[in-house]
């Protein structure tokens, strides 16, 4: 769901504070974040400067779980599909999404979000794809 203005402000502040001191084995991580479409949190690390460690990733996970719990966002529910239909971002439970695609109730003239991106370049070019070029095109 989209963040309220107050939620976006508080989440932004929490992320700024966290990333300002985020480190791996005592070495600062060069990182940034973006709130995309007012409901997706994207965090990037410049791994050419320093790699994240297991402990640093755990610390980020802890913060994200706190944000998720505080605002009841469902950030860790991987059984959802998010897409853009008629200019609006929508999210359905994965089974409902598949069912609506198969029945034709949901047009294939949509764009689908892909949350599996590992680099910022992949995020920029492939985070939102037309249905026929997305993971969802394999739904039978």
C-alpha atoms as a PDB file:
ATOM      1  CA  UNK A   1       0.000   0.000   0.000  1.00  0.00           C
ATOM      2  CA  UNK A   2       1.185   3.573  -0.472  1.00  0.00           C
ATOM      3  CA  UNK A   3       2.756   5.278   2.523  1.00  0.00           C
ATOM      4  CA  UNK A   4       0.966   8.191   4.119  1.00  0.00           C
ATOM      5  CA  UNK A   5       2.909  11.465   4.103  1.00  0.00           C
ATOM      6  CA  UNK A   6       3.706  11.011   7.801  1.00  0.00           C
ATOM      7  CA  UNK A   7       4.823   7.393   7.288  1.00  0.00           C
ATOM      8  CA  UNK A   8       7.075   8.329   4.358  1.00  0.00           C
ATOM      9  CA  UNK A   9       8.650  11.123   6.409  1.00  0.00           C
ATOM     10  CA  UNK A  10       9.299   8.887   9.416  1.00  0.00           C
ATOM     11  CA  UNK A  11      10.605   5.991   7.293  1.00  0.00           C
ATOM     12  CA  UNK A  12      12.904   8.416   5.449  1.00  0.00           C
ATOM     13  CA  UNK A  13      14.258   9.757   8.758  1.00  0.00           C
ATOM     14  CA  UNK A  14      14.839   6.240  10.128  1.00  0.00           C
ATOM     15  CA  UNK A  15      16.673   5.179   6.980  1.00  0.00           C
ATOM     16  CA  UNK A  16      18.811   8.345   6.870  1.00  0.00           C
ATOM     17  CA  UNK A  17      19.807   7.820  10.520  1.00  0.00           C
ATOM     18  CA  UNK A  18      20.544   4.120  10.004  1.00  0.00           C
ATOM     19  CA  UNK A  19      22.511   4.470   6.757  1.00  0.00           C
ATOM     20  CA  UNK A  20      24.603   7.334   8.174  1.00  0.00           C
ATOM     21  CA  UNK A  21      26.175   4.898  10.649  1.00  0.00           C
ATOM     22  CA  UNK A  22      25.813   1.596   8.780  1.00  0.00           C
ATOM     23  CA  UNK A  23      29.077  -0.312   8.735  1.00  0.00           C
ATOM     24  CA  UNK A  24      30.562  -3.722   7.992  1.00  0.00           C
ATOM     25  CA  UNK A  25      33.379  -4.831  10.292  1.00  0.00           C
ATOM     26  CA  UNK A  26      33.799  -1.224  11.431  1.00  0.00           C
ATOM     27  CA  UNK A  27      34.087   0.140   7.900  1.00  0.00           C
ATOM     28  CA  UNK A  28      31.346   2.540   6.756  1.00  0.00           C
ATOM     29  CA  UNK A  29      29.103   1.316   3.949  1.00  0.00           C
ATOM     30  CA  UNK A  30      28.534   3.733   1.107  1.00  0.00           C
ATOM     31  CA  UNK A  31      24.784   3.384   0.739  1.00  0.00           C
ATOM     32  CA  UNK A  32      21.630   5.182  -0.236  1.00  0.00           C
ATOM     33  CA  UNK A  33      17.922   4.543  -0.472  1.00  0.00           C
ATOM     34  CA  UNK A  34      14.907   5.551  -2.460  1.00  0.00           C
ATOM     35  CA  UNK A  35      11.201   5.249  -1.815  1.00  0.00           C
ATOM     36  CA  UNK A  36       9.852   4.255  -5.218  1.00  0.00           C
ATOM     37  CA  UNK A  37       6.219   4.815  -6.227  1.00  0.00           C
ATOM     38  CA  UNK A  38       5.572   5.914  -2.622  1.00  0.00           C
ATOM     39  CA  UNK A  39       5.472   2.296  -1.451  1.00  0.00           C
ATOM     40  CA  UNK A  40       8.669   0.403  -2.265  1.00  0.00           C
ATOM     41  CA  UNK A  41      11.878   0.905  -0.281  1.00  0.00           C
ATOM     42  CA  UNK A  42      15.028   0.375  -2.353  1.00  0.00           C
ATOM     43  CA  UNK A  43      18.411   0.304  -0.588  1.00  0.00           C
ATOM     44  CA  UNK A  44      21.705   0.278  -2.470  1.00  0.00           C
ATOM     45  CA  UNK A  45      25.301  -0.289  -1.398  1.00  0.00           C
ATOM     46  CA  UNK A  46      28.354   0.672  -3.426  1.00  0.00           C
ATOM     47  CA  UNK A  47      30.102  -2.693  -3.190  1.00  0.00           C
ATOM     48  CA  UNK A  48      33.146  -1.375  -5.046  1.00  0.00           C
ATOM     49  CA  UNK A  49      33.946   0.600  -1.878  1.00  0.00           C
ATOM     50  CA  UNK A  50      32.974  -1.948   0.780  1.00  0.00           C
ATOM     51  CA  UNK A  51      30.972  -5.180   0.859  1.00  0.00           C
ATOM     52  CA  UNK A  52      28.130  -5.670   3.293  1.00  0.00           C
ATOM     53  CA  UNK A  53      28.712  -8.373   5.884  1.00  0.00           C
ATOM     54  CA  UNK A  54      26.275 -10.829   7.400  1.00  0.00           C
ATOM     55  CA  UNK A  55      26.030  -8.690  10.537  1.00  0.00           C
ATOM     56  CA  UNK A  56      25.424  -5.484   8.573  1.00  0.00           C
ATOM     57  CA  UNK A  57      22.709  -7.168   6.498  1.00  0.00           C
ATOM     58  CA  UNK A  58      21.150  -8.501   9.715  1.00  0.00           C
ATOM     59  CA  UNK A  59      21.133  -4.959  11.145  1.00  0.00           C
ATOM     60  CA  UNK A  60      19.337  -3.672   8.051  1.00  0.00           C
ATOM     61  CA  UNK A  61      16.888  -6.575   8.244  1.00  0.00           C
ATOM     62  CA  UNK A  62      16.158  -5.712  11.872  1.00  0.00           C
ATOM     63  CA  UNK A  63      15.392  -2.093  10.959  1.00  0.00           C
ATOM     64  CA  UNK A  64      13.175  -3.154   8.058  1.00  0.00           C
ATOM     65  CA  UNK A  65      11.265  -5.590  10.301  1.00  0.00           C
ATOM     66  CA  UNK A  66      10.728  -2.767  12.825  1.00  0.00           C
ATOM     67  CA  UNK A  67       9.397  -0.474  10.078  1.00  0.00           C
ATOM     68  CA  UNK A  68       7.241  -3.284   8.721  1.00  0.00           C
ATOM     69  CA  UNK A  69       5.757  -4.044  12.126  1.00  0.00           C
ATOM     70  CA  UNK A  70       5.206  -0.397  13.078  1.00  0.00           C
ATOM     71  CA  UNK A  71       3.253   0.398   9.912  1.00  0.00           C
ATOM     72  CA  UNK A  72       1.802  -3.071   9.145  1.00  0.00           C
ATOM     73  CA  UNK A  73       3.245  -3.010   5.607  1.00  0.00           C
ATOM     74  CA  UNK A  74       3.738  -6.700   4.808  1.00  0.00           C
ATOM     75  CA  UNK A  75       7.231  -6.033   3.436  1.00  0.00           C
ATOM     76  CA  UNK A  76       8.330  -9.614   4.031  1.00  0.00           C
ATOM     77  CA  UNK A  77       5.329 -11.299   2.415  1.00  0.00           C
ATOM     78  CA  UNK A  78       6.805 -12.725  -0.777  1.00  0.00           C
ATOM     79  CA  UNK A  79       3.488 -14.193  -1.872  1.00  0.00           C
ATOM     80  CA  UNK A  80       2.263 -10.980  -3.482  1.00  0.00           C
ATOM     81  CA  UNK A  81       2.414  -9.560  -6.975  1.00  0.00           C
ATOM     82  CA  UNK A  82       2.562  -5.818  -7.607  1.00  0.00           C
ATOM     83  CA  UNK A  83       1.735  -4.260 -10.930  1.00  0.00           C
ATOM     84  CA  UNK A  84       0.632  -1.048 -12.620  1.00  0.00           C
ATOM     85  CA  UNK A  85      -2.795  -0.986 -14.223  1.00  0.00           C
ATOM     86  CA  UNK A  86      -4.253   2.210 -15.698  1.00  0.00           C
ATOM     87  CA  UNK A  87      -1.469   4.226 -14.050  1.00  0.00           C
ATOM     88  CA  UNK A  88      -2.172   2.917 -10.540  1.00  0.00           C
ATOM     89  CA  UNK A  89       0.082   0.619  -8.491  1.00  0.00           C
ATOM     90  CA  UNK A  90      -1.853  -2.425  -7.295  1.00  0.00           C
ATOM     91  CA  UNK A  91      -0.922  -5.473  -5.250  1.00  0.00           C
ATOM     92  CA  UNK A  92      -2.666  -8.829  -5.045  1.00  0.00           C
ATOM     93  CA  UNK A  93      -1.923 -12.080  -3.293  1.00  0.00           C
ATOM     94  CA  UNK A  94       0.111 -14.126  -5.767  1.00  0.00           C
ATOM     95  CA  UNK A  95      -2.540 -16.843  -6.192  1.00  0.00           C
ATOM     96  CA  UNK A  96      -5.237 -14.234  -6.858  1.00  0.00           C
ATOM     97  CA  UNK A  97      -2.958 -12.484  -9.366  1.00  0.00           C
ATOM     98  CA  UNK A  98      -2.315 -15.773 -11.188  1.00  0.00           C
ATOM     99  CA  UNK A  99      -6.005 -16.647 -11.173  1.00  0.00           C
ATOM    100  CA  UNK A 100      -7.010 -13.261 -12.586  1.00  0.00           C
ATOM    101  CA  UNK A 101      -4.370 -13.510 -15.339  1.00  0.00           C
ATOM    102  CA  UNK A 102      -5.486 -17.041 -16.295  1.00  0.00           C
ATOM    103  CA  UNK A 103      -9.173 -16.096 -16.357  1.00  0.00           C
ATOM    104  CA  UNK A 104      -8.545 -12.904 -18.332  1.00  0.00           C
ATOM    105  CA  UNK A 105     -10.059 -10.809 -15.540  1.00  0.00           C
ATOM    106  CA  UNK A 106      -6.704  -9.001 -15.341  1.00  0.00           C
ATOM    107  CA  UNK A 107      -5.468  -7.751 -18.696  1.00  0.00           C
ATOM    108  CA  UNK A 108      -1.981  -8.612 -19.849  1.00  0.00           C
ATOM    109  CA  UNK A 109      -1.706  -4.926 -20.798  1.00  0.00           C
ATOM    110  CA  UNK A 110      -0.099  -4.200 -17.418  1.00  0.00           C
ATOM    111  CA  UNK A 111       3.401  -3.589 -16.113  1.00  0.00           C
ATOM    112  CA  UNK A 112       4.754  -5.912 -13.418  1.00  0.00           C
ATOM    113  CA  UNK A 113       7.283  -5.165 -10.674  1.00  0.00           C
ATOM    114  CA  UNK A 114      10.280  -7.484 -10.291  1.00  0.00           C
ATOM    115  CA  UNK A 115      11.792  -7.392  -6.811  1.00  0.00           C
ATOM    116  CA  UNK A 116      14.721  -9.704  -7.607  1.00  0.00           C
ATOM    117  CA  UNK A 117      17.146  -7.031  -8.787  1.00  0.00           C
ATOM    118  CA  UNK A 118      20.658  -7.222  -7.384  1.00  0.00           C
ATOM    119  CA  UNK A 119      22.214  -4.096  -8.885  1.00  0.00           C
ATOM    120  CA  UNK A 120      21.105  -0.511  -9.214  1.00  0.00           C
ATOM    121  CA  UNK A 121      21.456  -0.734 -12.994  1.00  0.00           C
ATOM    122  CA  UNK A 122      19.091  -3.752 -13.059  1.00  0.00           C
ATOM    123  CA  UNK A 123      16.700  -1.837 -10.825  1.00  0.00           C
ATOM    124  CA  UNK A 124      16.724   1.180 -13.145  1.00  0.00           C
ATOM    125  CA  UNK A 125      16.153  -0.843 -16.285  1.00  0.00           C
ATOM    126  CA  UNK A 126      14.113  -3.850 -15.137  1.00  0.00           C
ATOM    127  CA  UNK A 127      12.214  -3.065 -11.923  1.00  0.00           C
ATOM    128  CA  UNK A 128       8.975  -2.419 -13.797  1.00  0.00           C
ATOM    129  CA  UNK A 129       8.431  -4.384 -16.986  1.00  0.00           C
ATOM    130  CA  UNK A 130       5.631  -4.914 -19.481  1.00  0.00           C
ATOM    131  CA  UNK A 131       3.754  -8.125 -18.652  1.00  0.00           C
ATOM    132  CA  UNK A 132       5.169 -10.052 -21.626  1.00  0.00           C
ATOM    133  CA  UNK A 133       8.767  -9.275 -20.575  1.00  0.00           C
ATOM    134  CA  UNK A 134       8.230  -9.950 -16.850  1.00  0.00           C
ATOM    135  CA  UNK A 135       8.343 -13.038 -14.644  1.00  0.00           C
ATOM    136  CA  UNK A 136       4.531 -13.094 -14.829  1.00  0.00           C
ATOM    137  CA  UNK A 137       4.547 -14.003 -18.533  1.00  0.00           C
ATOM    138  CA  UNK A 138       5.198 -17.617 -17.553  1.00  0.00           C
ATOM    139  CA  UNK A 139       1.788 -17.893 -15.852  1.00  0.00           C
ATOM    140  CA  UNK A 140      -0.252 -20.492 -17.731  1.00  0.00           C
END
